[in-house]
Amino acid sequence: MIEPARFNLLVGWTSMVAGTISGAAIGLFFHRESWMGGYASLRRRMVRLGHIAFFGLGIVNVLFALSVAAAAPPASYARFAAVAFAVAALTMPLCCFLTAWRPAMRLLFPIPVAAVLGGLAGLLRGFLP
């Protein structure tokens, strides 16, 4: 496997590219008052949240990569956290978009939440002596 810092830099910046592309796609229709059920509709809110999740978790992945490079936690914890943060960056926007499509898909949100918590736990545990 590629080293965690490099892997998560790639994941993070790729996630931000996806956020830019999804934002551009959403931006083509935002001027329509009734698009996706109107501004306050669940569908439209979830699509906006998915777009922002790409950026938010992309930034988390970049910060993780910089943290690993600066503090050098044990490799096993760094690898675990690297995979967990990458899973979160993929699954959080996916869950948002799926929930916009089918509201019952909201039941999938524990997956990205657990991934974020796993990444945080792995990183923080790696920092402990």
Protein backbone atom coordinates (compact mmCIF):
# COMPACT_ATOMS: atom_id res chain seq x y z
CA MET A 1 0.00 0.00 0.00
CA ILE A 2 1.10 3.55 -0.66
CA GLU A 3 2.27 5.41 2.46
CA PRO A 4 -0.64 6.89 4.46
CA ALA A 5 0.33 10.56 4.08
CA ARG A 6 0.64 10.32 0.31
CA PHE A 7 -2.53 8.21 0.00
CA ASN A 8 -4.63 10.67 2.00
CA LEU A 9 -3.24 13.68 0.16
CA LEU A 10 -4.43 12.03 -3.05
CA VAL A 11 -7.82 11.16 -1.51
CA GLY A 12 -8.22 14.64 -0.05
CA TRP A 13 -7.43 16.59 -3.19
CA THR A 14 -9.46 14.19 -5.34
CA SER A 15 -12.40 14.69 -3.00
CA MET A 16 -12.09 18.46 -3.47
CA VAL A 17 -12.12 18.00 -7.24
CA ALA A 18 -15.32 15.95 -6.84
CA GLY A 19 -16.75 18.75 -4.66
CA THR A 20 -15.97 21.30 -7.36
CA ILE A 21 -17.54 19.19 -10.11
CA SER A 22 -20.64 18.37 -8.06
CA GLY A 23 -20.99 22.04 -7.12
CA ALA A 24 -20.77 23.05 -10.76
CA ALA A 25 -23.46 20.51 -11.66
CA ILE A 26 -25.73 21.69 -8.84
CA GLY A 27 -25.06 25.30 -9.81
CA LEU A 28 -26.60 24.75 -13.21
CA PHE A 29 -30.02 24.39 -11.58
CA PHE A 30 -29.93 26.36 -8.33
CA HIS A 31 -31.69 29.34 -9.86
CA ARG A 32 -34.85 27.27 -10.36
CA GLU A 33 -37.04 27.95 -7.34
CA SER A 34 -38.73 24.55 -7.43
CA TRP A 35 -35.67 22.48 -8.37
CA MET A 36 -35.62 19.26 -6.34
CA GLY A 37 -38.69 20.31 -4.41
CA GLY A 38 -37.55 23.82 -3.48
CA TYR A 39 -34.76 25.24 -1.38
CA ALA A 40 -35.86 23.70 1.94
CA SER A 41 -36.71 20.24 0.59
CA LEU A 42 -34.87 17.20 1.94
CA ARG A 43 -33.67 16.25 -1.55
CA ARG A 44 -32.09 19.61 -2.22
CA ARG A 45 -30.56 19.87 1.27
CA MET A 46 -29.01 16.41 0.97
CA VAL A 47 -27.53 17.19 -2.45
CA ARG A 48 -26.00 20.40 -1.06
CA LEU A 49 -24.69 18.48 1.96
CA GLY A 50 -23.13 15.84 -0.31
CA HIS A 51 -21.36 18.57 -2.27
CA ILE A 52 -20.00 20.13 0.93
CA ALA A 53 -19.07 16.71 2.38
CA PHE A 54 -16.62 16.26 -0.51
CA PHE A 55 -14.82 19.42 0.58
CA GLY A 56 -15.07 18.85 4.32
CA LEU A 57 -13.78 15.31 4.29
CA GLY A 58 -11.24 16.19 1.62
CA ILE A 59 -9.82 18.77 4.03
CA VAL A 60 -9.87 16.20 6.85
CA ASN A 61 -7.84 13.82 4.66
CA VAL A 62 -5.29 16.52 3.83
CA LEU A 63 -5.00 17.50 7.50
CA PHE A 64 -4.54 13.86 8.41
CA ALA A 65 -1.74 13.52 5.83
CA LEU A 66 0.01 16.62 7.20
CA SER A 67 -0.41 15.35 10.76
CA VAL A 68 1.08 11.96 9.91
CA ALA A 69 4.00 13.64 8.15
CA ALA A 70 4.63 15.93 11.14
CA ALA A 71 4.10 13.53 14.05
CA ALA A 72 4.86 10.09 12.55
CA PRO A 73 2.51 7.85 14.56
CA PRO A 74 3.16 4.08 14.43
CA ALA A 75 2.54 2.68 10.95
CA SER A 76 -0.27 0.34 11.98
CA TYR A 77 -2.34 3.19 13.46
CA ALA A 78 -1.54 5.48 10.54
CA ARG A 79 -2.64 2.84 7.99
CA PHE A 80 -5.87 2.13 9.85
CA ALA A 81 -6.71 5.83 10.14
CA ALA A 82 -5.74 6.44 6.49
CA VAL A 83 -8.18 3.84 5.23
CA ALA A 84 -10.91 4.98 7.62
CA PHE A 85 -10.64 8.63 6.53
CA ALA A 86 -10.64 7.59 2.85
CA VAL A 87 -13.77 5.48 3.39
CA ALA A 88 -15.43 8.47 5.06
CA ALA A 89 -14.52 10.77 2.14
CA LEU A 90 -16.18 8.38 -0.27
CA THR A 91 -19.19 7.22 1.72
CA MET A 92 -20.40 10.47 3.32
CA PRO A 93 -21.16 12.24 0.02
CA LEU A 94 -22.49 8.97 -1.38
CA CYS A 95 -24.90 8.59 1.56
CA CYS A 96 -26.05 12.18 1.11
CA PHE A 97 -26.74 11.71 -2.59
CA LEU A 98 -28.43 8.35 -2.01
CA THR A 99 -30.62 9.89 0.69
CA ALA A 100 -31.61 12.65 -1.73
CA TRP A 101 -32.64 9.92 -4.16
CA ARG A 102 -34.32 7.61 -1.63
CA PRO A 103 -34.85 8.96 1.91
CA ALA A 104 -34.66 5.44 3.40
CA MET A 105 -30.97 5.41 2.45
CA ARG A 106 -30.38 7.66 5.48
CA LEU A 107 -29.96 4.41 7.38
CA LEU A 108 -26.52 4.10 5.74
CA PHE A 109 -25.13 7.16 7.56
CA PRO A 110 -23.58 5.08 10.39
CA ILE A 111 -21.03 3.85 7.82
CA PRO A 112 -19.30 7.20 7.15
CA VAL A 113 -19.76 8.30 10.77
CA ALA A 114 -18.05 5.12 12.00
CA ALA A 115 -15.30 5.66 9.43
CA VAL A 116 -14.63 9.20 10.68
CA LEU A 117 -14.64 8.02 14.29
CA GLY A 118 -12.31 5.14 13.38
CA GLY A 119 -9.92 7.51 11.66
CA LEU A 120 -9.90 9.87 14.61
CA ALA A 121 -9.42 7.01 17.07
CA GLY A 122 -6.56 5.53 15.05
CA LEU A 123 -4.84 8.86 14.69
CA LEU A 124 -5.23 9.87 18.32
CA ARG A 125 -4.19 6.43 19.57
CA GLY A 126 -1.11 6.65 17.36
CA PHE A 127 -0.15 9.91 19.03
CA LEU A 128 -0.22 8.37 22.52
CA PRO A 129 2.99 6.93 23.96
